[in-house]
Amino acid sequence: MRLNKTLKNIVDGIQDKKGRNVRVVDLRKIDDTICDFIVICEGNTPTQVSAISDSVENKMRTEMGVKSLSIAGKNNNLWVAMDFADIVVHVFVPDFRQFYDIDNLWEDAKFEDIPDLD
């Protein structure tokens, strides 16, 4: 899967704050999904999760002229979900990502794992 401009800006926003283990889930060929893509990543601490979600929001606003429809989880920054209509971004601390295991909810989806920058 080749990342479109919107997905690339989201991934860039994640990587700007050293987000890791980025996975893009393509849901376009699955019926009755709430979005076309899900982007999942992690930060090591709640502070980094907050920085990553802020970076994604800033990148989308400045580069794409798009604001998120809603953001949930900013009160504790253990799992932040950002809704950009056709794309939903999930930023986790590693323990929460492992516990909720949303990476594996759509076994029929197409996945692309983005290499970490370091």
PDB file of N, CA and C in Angstrom:
ATOM      1  N   MET A   1       0.863  -1.178   0.000  1.00  0.00           N
ATOM      2  CA  MET A   1       0.000   0.000   0.000  1.00  0.00           C
ATOM      3  C   MET A   1       0.898   1.226   0.000  1.00  0.00           C
ATOM      4  N   ARG A   2       0.612   2.147  -0.858  1.00  0.00           N
ATOM      5  CA  ARG A   2       1.341   3.404  -0.886  1.00  0.00           C
ATOM      6  C   ARG A   2       0.554   4.426  -0.086  1.00  0.00           C
ATOM      7  N   LEU A   3       1.235   5.106   0.820  1.00  0.00           N
ATOM      8  CA  LEU A   3       0.535   6.051   1.678  1.00  0.00           C
ATOM      9  C   LEU A   3       0.139   7.288   0.891  1.00  0.00           C
ATOM     10  N   ASN A   4      -1.125   7.677   1.030  1.00  0.00           N
ATOM     11  CA  ASN A   4      -1.546   8.918   0.393  1.00  0.00           C
ATOM     12  C   ASN A   4      -1.041  10.091   1.224  1.00  0.00           C
ATOM     13  N   LYS A   5      -1.253  11.302   0.736  1.00  0.00           N
ATOM     14  CA  LYS A   5      -0.698  12.499   1.382  1.00  0.00           C
ATOM     15  C   LYS A   5      -1.193  12.661   2.822  1.00  0.00           C
ATOM     16  N   THR A   6      -2.463  12.391   3.058  1.00  0.00           N
ATOM     17  CA  THR A   6      -3.009  12.536   4.410  1.00  0.00           C
ATOM     18  C   THR A   6      -2.353  11.543   5.355  1.00  0.00           C
ATOM     19  N   LEU A   7      -2.278  10.280   4.951  1.00  0.00           N
ATOM     20  CA  LEU A   7      -1.640   9.266   5.793  1.00  0.00           C
ATOM     21  C   LEU A   7      -0.168   9.591   6.009  1.00  0.00           C
ATOM     22  N   LYS A   8       0.495  10.079   4.977  1.00  0.00           N
ATOM     23  CA  LYS A   8       1.907  10.442   5.115  1.00  0.00           C
ATOM     24  C   LYS A   8       2.084  11.549   6.150  1.00  0.00           C
ATOM     25  N   ASN A   9       1.204  12.547   6.154  1.00  0.00           N
ATOM     26  CA  ASN A   9       1.293  13.614   7.148  1.00  0.00           C
ATOM     27  C   ASN A   9       1.058  13.083   8.558  1.00  0.00           C
ATOM     28  N   ILE A  10       0.149  12.151   8.714  1.00  0.00           N
ATOM     29  CA  ILE A  10      -0.098  11.550  10.024  1.00  0.00           C
ATOM     30  C   ILE A  10       1.145  10.790  10.484  1.00  0.00           C
ATOM     31  N   VAL A  11       1.704   9.963   9.608  1.00  0.00           N
ATOM     32  CA  VAL A  11       2.908   9.199   9.956  1.00  0.00           C
ATOM     33  C   VAL A  11       4.065  10.149  10.258  1.00  0.00           C
ATOM     34  N   ASP A  12       4.218  11.203   9.469  1.00  0.00           N
ATOM     35  CA  ASP A  12       5.276  12.191   9.733  1.00  0.00           C
ATOM     36  C   ASP A  12       5.092  12.830  11.108  1.00  0.00           C
ATOM     37  N   GLY A  13       3.850  13.164  11.473  1.00  0.00           N
ATOM     38  CA  GLY A  13       3.576  13.739  12.779  1.00  0.00           C
ATOM     39  C   GLY A  13       3.944  12.785  13.901  1.00  0.00           C
ATOM     40  N   ILE A  14       3.683  11.511  13.695  1.00  0.00           N
ATOM     41  CA  ILE A  14       4.058  10.490  14.680  1.00  0.00           C
ATOM     42  C   ILE A  14       5.578  10.401  14.786  1.00  0.00           C
ATOM     43  N   GLN A  15       6.231  10.296  13.645  1.00  0.00           N
ATOM     44  CA  GLN A  15       7.679  10.110  13.648  1.00  0.00           C
ATOM     45  C   GLN A  15       8.430  11.361  14.097  1.00  0.00           C
ATOM     46  N   ASP A  16       7.829  12.540  13.924  1.00  0.00           N
ATOM     47  CA  ASP A  16       8.466  13.773  14.403  1.00  0.00           C
ATOM     48  C   ASP A  16       8.704  13.731  15.911  1.00  0.00           C
ATOM     49  N   LYS A  17       7.869  12.978  16.624  1.00  0.00           N
ATOM     50  CA  LYS A  17       8.008  12.851  18.083  1.00  0.00           C
ATOM     51  C   LYS A  17       8.477  11.453  18.480  1.00  0.00           C
ATOM     52  N   LYS A  18       9.116  10.784  17.519  1.00  0.00           N
ATOM     53  CA  LYS A  18       9.722   9.469  17.754  1.00  0.00           C
ATOM     54  C   LYS A  18       8.725   8.382  18.154  1.00  0.00           C
ATOM     55  N   GLY A  19       7.493   8.496  17.632  1.00  0.00           N
ATOM     56  CA  GLY A  19       6.531   7.424  17.817  1.00  0.00           C
ATOM     57  C   GLY A  19       7.046   6.157  17.158  1.00  0.00           C
ATOM     58  N   ARG A  20       6.692   5.024  17.718  1.00  0.00           N
ATOM     59  CA  ARG A  20       7.245   3.754  17.252  1.00  0.00           C
ATOM     60  C   ARG A  20       6.138   2.760  16.890  1.00  0.00           C
ATOM     61  N   ASN A  21       6.586   1.706  16.206  1.00  0.00           N
ATOM     62  CA  ASN A  21       5.705   0.587  15.850  1.00  0.00           C
ATOM     63  C   ASN A  21       4.429   1.073  15.170  1.00  0.00           C
ATOM     64  N   VAL A  22       4.610   1.876  14.137  1.00  0.00           N
ATOM     65  CA  VAL A  22       3.483   2.447  13.406  1.00  0.00           C
ATOM     66  C   VAL A  22       2.914   1.388  12.460  1.00  0.00           C
ATOM     67  N   ARG A  23       1.608   1.231  12.530  1.00  0.00           N
ATOM     68  CA  ARG A  23       0.906   0.305  11.641  1.00  0.00           C
ATOM     69  C   ARG A  23      -0.268   1.042  11.008  1.00  0.00           C
ATOM     70  N   VAL A  24      -0.367   0.929   9.683  1.00  0.00           N
ATOM     71  CA  VAL A  24      -1.505   1.476   8.951  1.00  0.00           C
ATOM     72  C   VAL A  24      -2.390   0.301   8.561  1.00  0.00           C
ATOM     73  N   VAL A  25      -3.661   0.382   8.930  1.00  0.00           N
ATOM     74  CA  VAL A  25      -4.629  -0.674   8.640  1.00  0.00           C
ATOM     75  C   VAL A  25      -5.599  -0.134   7.595  1.00  0.00           C
ATOM     76  N   ASP A  26      -5.646  -0.788   6.448  1.00  0.00           N
ATOM     77  CA  ASP A  26      -6.513  -0.387   5.345  1.00  0.00           C
ATOM     78  C   ASP A  26      -7.823  -1.168   5.440  1.00  0.00           C
ATOM     79  N   LEU A  27      -8.899  -0.455   5.744  1.00  0.00           N
ATOM     80  CA  LEU A  27     -10.213  -1.085   5.929  1.00  0.00           C
ATOM     81  C   LEU A  27     -11.149  -0.891   4.732  1.00  0.00           C
ATOM     82  N   ARG A  28     -10.653  -0.318   3.664  1.00  0.00           N
ATOM     83  CA  ARG A  28     -11.528   0.056   2.546  1.00  0.00           C
ATOM     84  C   ARG A  28     -12.250  -1.125   1.906  1.00  0.00           C
ATOM     85  N   LYS A  29     -11.715  -2.317   1.979  1.00  0.00           N
ATOM     86  CA  LYS A  29     -12.371  -3.471   1.350  1.00  0.00           C
ATOM     87  C   LYS A  29     -13.186  -4.295   2.335  1.00  0.00           C
ATOM     88  N   ILE A  30     -13.394  -3.747   3.525  1.00  0.00           N
ATOM     89  CA  ILE A  30     -14.190  -4.436   4.547  1.00  0.00           C
ATOM     90  C   ILE A  30     -15.490  -3.664   4.730  1.00  0.00           C
ATOM     91  N   ASP A  31     -16.596  -4.365   4.665  1.00  0.00           N
ATOM     92  CA  ASP A  31     -17.912  -3.726   4.788  1.00  0.00           C
ATOM     93  C   ASP A  31     -18.159  -3.217   6.206  1.00  0.00           C
ATOM     94  N   ASP A  32     -18.946  -2.149   6.290  1.00  0.00           N
ATOM     95  CA  ASP A  32     -19.462  -1.618   7.551  1.00  0.00           C
ATOM     96  C   ASP A  32     -18.395  -1.185   8.551  1.00  0.00           C
ATOM     97  N   THR A  33     -17.338  -0.575   8.058  1.00  0.00           N
ATOM     98  CA  THR A  33     -16.345  -0.002   8.966  1.00  0.00           C
ATOM     99  C   THR A  33     -16.611   1.490   9.111  1.00  0.00           C
ATOM    100  N   ILE A  34     -16.154   2.062  10.209  1.00  0.00           N
ATOM    101  CA  ILE A  34     -16.441   3.475  10.472  1.00  0.00           C
ATOM    102  C   ILE A  34     -15.469   4.424   9.778  1.00  0.00           C
ATOM    103  N   CYS A  35     -14.385   3.867   9.218  1.00  0.00           N
ATOM    104  CA  CYS A  35     -13.406   4.709   8.547  1.00  0.00           C
ATOM    105  C   CYS A  35     -12.699   3.877   7.474  1.00  0.00           C
ATOM    106  N   ASP A  36     -11.863   4.537   6.688  1.00  0.00           N
ATOM    107  CA  ASP A  36     -11.112   3.845   5.639  1.00  0.00           C
ATOM    108  C   ASP A  36      -9.779   3.303   6.140  1.00  0.00           C
ATOM    109  N   PHE A  37      -9.161   4.052   7.053  1.00  0.00           N
ATOM    110  CA  PHE A  37      -7.860   3.658   7.578  1.00  0.00           C
ATOM    111  C   PHE A  37      -7.818   3.855   9.084  1.00  0.00           C
ATOM    112  N   ILE A  38      -7.027   3.020   9.729  1.00  0.00           N
ATOM    113  CA  ILE A  38      -6.678   3.209  11.132  1.00  0.00           C
ATOM    114  C   ILE A  38      -5.160   3.244  11.190  1.00  0.00           C
ATOM    115  N   VAL A  39      -4.636   4.204  11.913  1.00  0.00           N
ATOM    116  CA  VAL A  39      -3.195   4.278  12.142  1.00  0.00           C
ATOM    117  C   VAL A  39      -2.975   4.040  13.631  1.00  0.00           C
ATOM    118  N   ILE A  40      -2.114   3.089  13.943  1.00  0.00           N
ATOM    119  CA  ILE A  40      -1.835   2.707  15.322  1.00  0.00           C
ATOM    120  C   ILE A  40      -0.342   2.901  15.574  1.00  0.00           C
ATOM    121  N   CYS A  41      -0.020   3.479  16.718  1.00  0.00           N
ATOM    122  CA  CYS A  41       1.390   3.650  17.072  1.00  0.00           C
ATOM    123  C   CYS A  41       1.518   3.698  18.581  1.00  0.00           C
ATOM    124  N   GLU A  42       2.751   3.858  19.053  1.00  0.00           N
ATOM    125  CA  GLU A  42       2.946   3.951  20.488  1.00  0.00           C
ATOM    126  C   GLU A  42       4.057   4.922  20.838  1.00  0.00           C
ATOM    127  N   GLY A  43       3.908   5.469  22.035  1.00  0.00           N
ATOM    128  CA  GLY A  43       4.935   6.269  22.672  1.00  0.00           C
ATOM    129  C   GLY A  43       5.285   5.590  23.975  1.00  0.00           C
ATOM    130  N   ASN A  44       6.481   5.798  24.450  1.00  0.00           N
ATOM    131  CA  ASN A  44       6.948   5.071  25.635  1.00  0.00           C
ATOM    132  C   ASN A  44       6.276   5.498  26.928  1.00  0.00           C
ATOM    133  N   THR A  45       5.833   6.750  27.004  1.00  0.00           N
ATOM    134  CA  THR A  45       5.275   7.293  28.244  1.00  0.00           C
ATOM    135  C   THR A  45       4.027   8.107  27.919  1.00  0.00           C
ATOM    136  N   PRO A  46       3.195   8.401  28.904  1.00  0.00           N
ATOM    137  CA  PRO A  46       2.062   9.292  28.654  1.00  0.00           C
ATOM    138  C   PRO A  46       2.489  10.653  28.103  1.00  0.00           C
ATOM    139  N   THR A  47       3.623  11.169  28.548  1.00  0.00           N
ATOM    140  CA  THR A  47       4.115  12.446  28.033  1.00  0.00           C
ATOM    141  C   THR A  47       4.410  12.350  26.537  1.00  0.00           C
ATOM    142  N   GLN A  48       5.026  11.248  26.104  1.00  0.00           N
ATOM    143  CA  GLN A  48       5.315  11.073  24.690  1.00  0.00           C
ATOM    144  C   GLN A  48       4.032  10.841  23.892  1.00  0.00           C
ATOM    145  N   VAL A  49       3.086  10.098  24.454  1.00  0.00           N
ATOM    146  CA  VAL A  49       1.791   9.903  23.779  1.00  0.00           C
ATOM    147  C   VAL A  49       1.128  11.263  23.539  1.00  0.00           C
ATOM    148  N   SER A  50       1.161  12.127  24.538  1.00  0.00           N
ATOM    149  CA  SER A  50       0.599  13.469  24.391  1.00  0.00           C
ATOM    150  C   SER A  50       1.322  14.248  23.302  1.00  0.00           C
ATOM    151  N   ALA A  51       2.654  14.188  23.300  1.00  0.00           N
ATOM    152  CA  ALA A  51       3.437  14.911  22.291  1.00  0.00           C
ATOM    153  C   ALA A  51       3.149  14.389  20.889  1.00  0.00           C
ATOM    154  N   ILE A  52       3.004  13.076  20.744  1.00  0.00           N
ATOM    155  CA  ILE A  52       2.703  12.491  19.437  1.00  0.00           C
ATOM    156  C   ILE A  52       1.334  12.943  18.957  1.00  0.00           C
ATOM    157  N   SER A  53       0.330  12.865  19.807  1.00  0.00           N
ATOM    158  CA  SER A  53      -1.023  13.265  19.385  1.00  0.00           C
ATOM    159  C   SER A  53      -1.062  14.756  19.055  1.00  0.00           C
ATOM    160  N   ASP A  54      -0.362  15.591  19.824  1.00  0.00           N
ATOM    161  CA  ASP A  54      -0.288  17.028  19.505  1.00  0.00           C
ATOM    162  C   ASP A  54       0.401  17.248  18.169  1.00  0.00           C
ATOM    163  N   SER A  55       1.462  16.502  17.905  1.00  0.00           N
ATOM    164  CA  SER A  55       2.200  16.631  16.653  1.00  0.00           C
ATOM    165  C   SER A  55       1.333  16.245  15.452  1.00  0.00           C
ATOM    166  N   VAL A  56       0.595  15.145  15.587  1.00  0.00           N
ATOM    167  CA  VAL A  56      -0.301  14.723  14.497  1.00  0.00           C
ATOM    168  C   VAL A  56      -1.355  15.795  14.252  1.00  0.00           C
ATOM    169  N   GLU A  57      -1.949  16.295  15.312  1.00  0.00           N
ATOM    170  CA  GLU A  57      -2.985  17.322  15.152  1.00  0.00           C
ATOM    171  C   GLU A  57      -2.410  18.577  14.494  1.00  0.00           C
ATOM    172  N   ASN A  58      -1.243  19.020  14.930  1.00  0.00           N
ATOM    173  CA  ASN A  58      -0.616  20.204  14.336  1.00  0.00           C
ATOM    174  C   ASN A  58      -0.257  19.983  12.874  1.00  0.00           C
ATOM    175  N   LYS A  59       0.281  18.818  12.549  1.00  0.00           N
ATOM    176  CA  LYS A  59       0.654  18.498  11.169  1.00  0.00           C
ATOM    177  C   LYS A  59      -0.578  18.486  10.269  1.00  0.00           C
ATOM    178  N   MET A  60      -1.652  17.881  10.731  1.00  0.00           N
ATOM    179  CA  MET A  60      -2.875  17.833   9.926  1.00  0.00           C
ATOM    180  C   MET A  60      -3.457  19.228   9.722  1.00  0.00           C
ATOM    181  N   ARG A  61      -3.391  20.062  10.750  1.00  0.00           N
ATOM    182  CA  ARG A  61      -3.941  21.413  10.638  1.00  0.00           C
ATOM    183  C   ARG A  61      -3.089  22.268   9.702  1.00  0.00           C
ATOM    184  N   THR A  62      -1.761  22.226   9.876  1.00  0.00           N
ATOM    185  CA  THR A  62      -0.901  23.114   9.083  1.00  0.00           C
ATOM    186  C   THR A  62      -0.683  22.616   7.657  1.00  0.00           C
ATOM    187  N   GLU A  63      -0.534  21.316   7.473  1.00  0.00           N
ATOM    188  CA  GLU A  63      -0.230  20.768   6.144  1.00  0.00           C
ATOM    189  C   GLU A  63      -1.483  20.455   5.322  1.00  0.00           C
ATOM    190  N   MET A  64      -2.557  20.067   6.005  1.00  0.00           N
ATOM    191  CA  MET A  64      -3.755  19.613   5.289  1.00  0.00           C
ATOM    192  C   MET A  64      -4.959  20.523   5.498  1.00  0.00           C
ATOM    193  N   GLY A  65      -4.875  21.439   6.456  1.00  0.00           N
ATOM    194  CA  GLY A  65      -6.013  22.301   6.751  1.00  0.00           C
ATOM    195  C   GLY A  65      -7.178  21.549   7.369  1.00  0.00           C
ATOM    196  N   VAL A  66      -6.868  20.481   8.108  1.00  0.00           N
ATOM    197  CA  VAL A  66      -7.893  19.603   8.673  1.00  0.00           C
ATOM    198  C   VAL A  66      -7.750  19.577  10.190  1.00  0.00           C
ATOM    199  N   LYS A  67      -8.881  19.706  10.876  1.00  0.00           N
ATOM    200  CA  LYS A  67      -8.925  19.525  12.327  1.00  0.00           C
ATOM    201  C   LYS A  67      -9.579  18.188  12.635  1.00  0.00           C
ATOM    202  N   SER A  68      -9.163  17.584  13.729  1.00  0.00           N
ATOM    203  CA  SER A  68      -9.799  16.327  14.116  1.00  0.00           C
ATOM    204  C   SER A  68     -11.245  16.601  14.519  1.00  0.00           C
ATOM    205  N   LEU A  69     -12.112  15.643  14.228  1.00  0.00           N
ATOM    206  CA  LEU A  69     -13.513  15.759  14.623  1.00  0.00           C
ATOM    207  C   LEU A  69     -13.653  15.590  16.126  1.00  0.00           C
ATOM    208  N   SER A  70     -12.814  14.722  16.689  1.00  0.00           N
ATOM    209  CA  SER A  70     -12.798  14.540  18.141  1.00  0.00           C
ATOM    210  C   SER A  70     -11.491  13.875  18.546  1.00  0.00           C
ATOM    211  N   ILE A  71     -11.144  14.103  19.807  1.00  0.00           N
ATOM    212  CA  ILE A  71      -9.967  13.464  20.400  1.00  0.00           C
ATOM    213  C   ILE A  71     -10.402  12.942  21.770  1.00  0.00           C
ATOM    214  N   ALA A  72     -10.099  11.683  22.036  1.00  0.00           N
ATOM    215  CA  ALA A  72     -10.418  11.087  23.333  1.00  0.00           C
ATOM    216  C   ALA A  72      -9.136  10.565  23.961  1.00  0.00           C
ATOM    217  N   GLY A  73      -9.052  10.657  25.278  1.00  0.00           N
ATOM    218  CA  GLY A  73      -7.943  10.081  26.009  1.00  0.00           C
ATOM    219  C   GLY A  73      -6.862  11.052  26.435  1.00  0.00           C
ATOM    220  N   LYS A  74      -7.038  12.335  26.134  1.00  0.00           N
ATOM    221  CA  LYS A  74      -6.013  13.320  26.491  1.00  0.00           C
ATOM    222  C   LYS A  74      -5.946  13.564  27.999  1.00  0.00           C
ATOM    223  N   ASN A  75      -6.930  13.100  28.747  1.00  0.00           N
ATOM    224  CA  ASN A  75      -6.904  13.304  30.204  1.00  0.00           C
ATOM    225  C   ASN A  75      -5.835  12.457  30.890  1.00  0.00           C
ATOM    226  N   ASN A  76      -5.511  11.260  30.327  1.00  0.00           N
ATOM    227  CA  ASN A  76      -4.467  10.439  30.941  1.00  0.00           C
ATOM    228  C   ASN A  76      -3.346  10.056  29.978  1.00  0.00           C
ATOM    229  N   ASN A  77      -3.575  10.207  28.683  1.00  0.00           N
ATOM    230  CA  ASN A  77      -2.563   9.954  27.649  1.00  0.00           C
ATOM    231  C   ASN A  77      -1.981   8.541  27.684  1.00  0.00           C
ATOM    232  N   LEU A  78      -2.820   7.572  28.048  1.00  0.00           N
ATOM    233  CA  LEU A  78      -2.418   6.173  27.961  1.00  0.00           C
ATOM    234  C   LEU A  78      -2.864   5.577  26.627  1.00  0.00           C
ATOM    235  N   TRP A  79      -3.995   6.089  26.124  1.00  0.00           N
ATOM    236  CA  TRP A  79      -4.515   5.714  24.806  1.00  0.00           C
ATOM    237  C   TRP A  79      -5.278   6.930  24.297  1.00  0.00           C
ATOM    238  N   VAL A  80      -4.749   7.552  23.273  1.00  0.00           N
ATOM    239  CA  VAL A  80      -5.402   8.707  22.670  1.00  0.00           C
ATOM    240  C   VAL A  80      -5.938   8.279  21.309  1.00  0.00           C
ATOM    241  N   ALA A  81      -7.220   8.543  21.070  1.00  0.00           N
ATOM    242  CA  ALA A  81      -7.856   8.252  19.788  1.00  0.00           C
ATOM    243  C   ALA A  81      -8.230   9.574  19.133  1.00  0.00           C
ATOM    244  N   MET A  82      -7.847   9.724  17.873  1.00  0.00           N
ATOM    245  CA  MET A  82      -8.096  10.951  17.120  1.00  0.00           C
ATOM    246  C   MET A  82      -8.901  10.603  15.871  1.00  0.00           C
ATOM    247  N   ASP A  83     -10.017  11.283  15.676  1.00  0.00           N
ATOM    248  CA  ASP A  83     -10.920  10.998  14.563  1.00  0.00           C
ATOM    249  C   ASP A  83     -10.766  12.077  13.495  1.00  0.00           C
ATOM    250  N   PHE A  84     -10.249  11.666  12.333  1.00  0.00           N
ATOM    251  CA  PHE A  84     -10.146  12.558  11.184  1.00  0.00           C
ATOM    252  C   PHE A  84     -11.109  12.100  10.079  1.00  0.00           C
ATOM    253  N   ALA A  85     -12.277  11.637  10.448  1.00  0.00           N
ATOM    254  CA  ALA A  85     -13.343  11.157   9.553  1.00  0.00           C
ATOM    255  C   ALA A  85     -12.937   9.849   8.878  1.00  0.00           C
ATOM    256  N   ASP A  86     -12.223   9.895   7.787  1.00  0.00           N
ATOM    257  CA  ASP A  86     -11.858   8.673   7.068  1.00  0.00           C
ATOM    258  C   ASP A  86     -10.661   7.954   7.672  1.00  0.00           C
ATOM    259  N   ILE A  87      -9.979   8.616   8.599  1.00  0.00           N
ATOM    260  CA  ILE A  87      -8.807   8.031   9.250  1.00  0.00           C
ATOM    261  C   ILE A  87      -8.938   8.232  10.756  1.00  0.00           C
ATOM    262  N   VAL A  88      -8.748   7.150  11.506  1.00  0.00           N
ATOM    263  CA  VAL A  88      -8.725   7.221  12.960  1.00  0.00           C
ATOM    264  C   VAL A  88      -7.318   6.845  13.409  1.00  0.00           C
ATOM    265  N   VAL A  89      -6.754   7.681  14.289  1.00  0.00           N
ATOM    266  CA  VAL A  89      -5.391   7.474  14.784  1.00  0.00           C
ATOM    267  C   VAL A  89      -5.462   7.062  16.249  1.00  0.00           C
ATOM    268  N   HIS A  90      -4.743   6.001  16.593  1.00  0.00           N
ATOM    269  CA  HIS A  90      -4.657   5.526  17.968  1.00  0.00           C
ATOM    270  C   HIS A  90      -3.200   5.607  18.408  1.00  0.00           C
ATOM    271  N   VAL A  91      -2.959   6.313  19.517  1.00  0.00           N
ATOM    272  CA  VAL A  91      -1.616   6.431  20.083  1.00  0.00           C
ATOM    273  C   VAL A  91      -1.661   5.820  21.481  1.00  0.00           C
ATOM    274  N   PHE A  92      -0.863   4.793  21.698  1.00  0.00           N
ATOM    275  CA  PHE A  92      -0.883   4.028  22.942  1.00  0.00           C
ATOM    276  C   PHE A  92       0.451   4.104  23.678  1.00  0.00           C
ATOM    277  N   VAL A  93       0.420   3.878  24.988  1.00  0.00           N
ATOM    278  CA  VAL A  93       1.619   3.414  25.690  1.00  0.00           C
ATOM    279  C   VAL A  93       1.667   1.906  25.417  1.00  0.00           C
ATOM    280  N   PRO A  94       2.857   1.294  25.410  1.00  0.00           N
ATOM    281  CA  PRO A  94       2.965  -0.113  24.997  1.00  0.00           C
ATOM    282  C   PRO A  94       2.063  -1.090  25.757  1.00  0.00           C
ATOM    283  N   ASP A  95       1.929  -0.954  27.074  1.00  0.00           N
ATOM    284  CA  ASP A  95       1.097  -1.898  27.835  1.00  0.00           C
ATOM    285  C   ASP A  95      -0.364  -1.849  27.404  1.00  0.00           C
ATOM    286  N   PHE A  96      -0.880  -0.656  27.145  1.00  0.00           N
ATOM    287  CA  PHE A  96      -2.278  -0.525  26.712  1.00  0.00           C
ATOM    288  C   PHE A  96      -2.467  -1.083  25.309  1.00  0.00           C
ATOM    289  N   ARG A  97      -1.497  -0.848  24.433  1.00  0.00           N
ATOM    290  CA  ARG A  97      -1.608  -1.392  23.071  1.00  0.00           C
ATOM    291  C   ARG A  97      -1.651  -2.914  23.123  1.00  0.00           C
ATOM    292  N   GLN A  98      -0.791  -3.492  23.916  1.00  0.00           N
ATOM    293  CA  GLN A  98      -0.767  -4.948  24.026  1.00  0.00           C
ATOM    294  C   GLN A  98      -2.068  -5.471  24.643  1.00  0.00           C
ATOM    295  N   PHE A  99      -2.558  -4.822  25.686  1.00  0.00           N
ATOM    296  CA  PHE A  99      -3.769  -5.276  26.364  1.00  0.00           C
ATOM    297  C   PHE A  99      -4.995  -5.212  25.446  1.00  0.00           C
ATOM    298  N   TYR A 100      -5.187  -4.095  24.756  1.00  0.00           N
ATOM    299  CA  TYR A 100      -6.381  -3.933  23.919  1.00  0.00           C
ATOM    300  C   TYR A 100      -6.244  -4.597  22.555  1.00  0.00           C
ATOM    301  N   ASP A 101      -5.033  -4.779  22.077  1.00  0.00           N
ATOM    302  CA  ASP A 101      -4.746  -5.570  20.872  1.00  0.00           C
ATOM    303  C   ASP A 101      -5.618  -5.202  19.670  1.00  0.00           C
ATOM    304  N   ILE A 102      -5.826  -3.899  19.450  1.00  0.00           N
ATOM    305  CA  ILE A 102      -6.680  -3.513  18.318  1.00  0.00           C
ATOM    306  C   ILE A 102      -6.001  -3.769  16.982  1.00  0.00           C
ATOM    307  N   ASP A 103      -4.690  -4.005  16.981  1.00  0.00           N
ATOM    308  CA  ASP A 103      -3.980  -4.320  15.736  1.00  0.00           C
ATOM    309  C   ASP A 103      -4.588  -5.547  15.053  1.00  0.00           C
ATOM    310  N   ASN A 104      -5.131  -6.458  15.841  1.00  0.00           N
ATOM    311  CA  ASN A 104      -5.588  -7.737  15.301  1.00  0.00           C
ATOM    312  C   ASN A 104      -7.104  -7.882  15.225  1.00  0.00           C
ATOM    313  N   LEU A 105      -7.830  -6.779  15.278  1.00  0.00           N
ATOM    314  CA  LEU A 105      -9.291  -6.863  15.202  1.00  0.00           C
ATOM    315  C   LEU A 105      -9.794  -7.135  13.783  1.00  0.00           C
ATOM    316  N   TRP A 106      -9.034  -6.764  12.787  1.00  0.00           N
ATOM    317  CA  TRP A 106      -9.471  -6.881  11.393  1.00  0.00           C
ATOM    318  C   TRP A 106      -8.520  -7.792  10.643  1.00  0.00           C
ATOM    319  N   GLU A 107      -8.701  -9.095  10.782  1.00  0.00           N
ATOM    320  CA  GLU A 107      -7.770 -10.019  10.144  1.00  0.00           C
ATOM    321  C   GLU A 107      -7.870  -9.996   8.619  1.00  0.00           C
ATOM    322  N   ASP A 108      -8.979  -9.501   8.068  1.00  0.00           N
ATOM    323  CA  ASP A 108      -9.119  -9.412   6.610  1.00  0.00           C
ATOM    324  C   ASP A 108      -8.543  -8.126   6.041  1.00  0.00           C
ATOM    325  N   ALA A 109      -8.105  -7.226   6.893  1.00  0.00           N
ATOM    326  CA  ALA A 109      -7.586  -5.934   6.446  1.00  0.00           C
ATOM    327  C   ALA A 109      -6.170  -6.082   5.901  1.00  0.00           C
ATOM    328  N   LYS A 110      -5.792  -5.086   5.130  1.00  0.00           N
ATOM    329  CA  LYS A 110      -4.434  -4.998   4.624  1.00  0.00           C
ATOM    330  C   LYS A 110      -3.641  -4.128   5.604  1.00  0.00           C
ATOM    331  N   PHE A 111      -2.449  -4.578   5.986  1.00  0.00           N
ATOM    332  CA  PHE A 111      -1.617  -3.868   6.952  1.00  0.00           C
ATOM    333  C   PHE A 111      -0.340  -3.380   6.298  1.00  0.00           C
ATOM    334  N   GLU A 112       0.136  -2.250   6.782  1.00  0.00           N
ATOM    335  CA  GLU A 112       1.475  -1.813   6.423  1.00  0.00           C
ATOM    336  C   GLU A 112       2.161  -1.343   7.693  1.00  0.00           C
ATOM    337  N   ASP A 113       3.263  -2.007   8.030  1.00  0.00           N
ATOM    338  CA  ASP A 113       4.067  -1.605   9.168  1.00  0.00           C
ATOM    339  C   ASP A 113       5.121  -0.634   8.678  1.00  0.00           C
ATOM    340  N   ILE A 114       5.175   0.535   9.317  1.00  0.00           N
ATOM    341  CA  ILE A 114       6.106   1.585   8.926  1.00  0.00           C
ATOM    342  C   ILE A 114       7.373   1.431   9.767  1.00  0.00           C
ATOM    343  N   PRO A 115       8.531   1.369   9.141  1.00  0.00           N
ATOM    344  CA  PRO A 115       9.767   1.207   9.924  1.00  0.00           C
ATOM    345  C   PRO A 115      10.007   2.410  10.852  1.00  0.00           C
ATOM    346  N   ASP A 116      10.521   2.114  12.055  1.00  0.00           N
ATOM    347  CA  ASP A 116      10.911   3.177  12.977  1.00  0.00           C
ATOM    348  C   ASP A 116      12.086   3.949  12.370  1.00  0.00           C
ATOM    349  N   LEU A 117      12.195   5.225  12.705  1.00  0.00           N
ATOM    350  CA  LEU A 117      13.238   6.066  12.122  1.00  0.00           C
ATOM    351  C   LEU A 117      14.621   5.832  12.714  1.00  0.00           C
ATOM    352  N   ASP A 118      14.698   5.350  13.943  1.00  0.00           N
ATOM    353  CA  ASP A 118      16.031   5.200  14.528  1.00  0.00           C
ATOM    354  C   ASP A 118      16.665   3.937  14.046  1.00  0.00           C
TER     355      ASP A 118
END
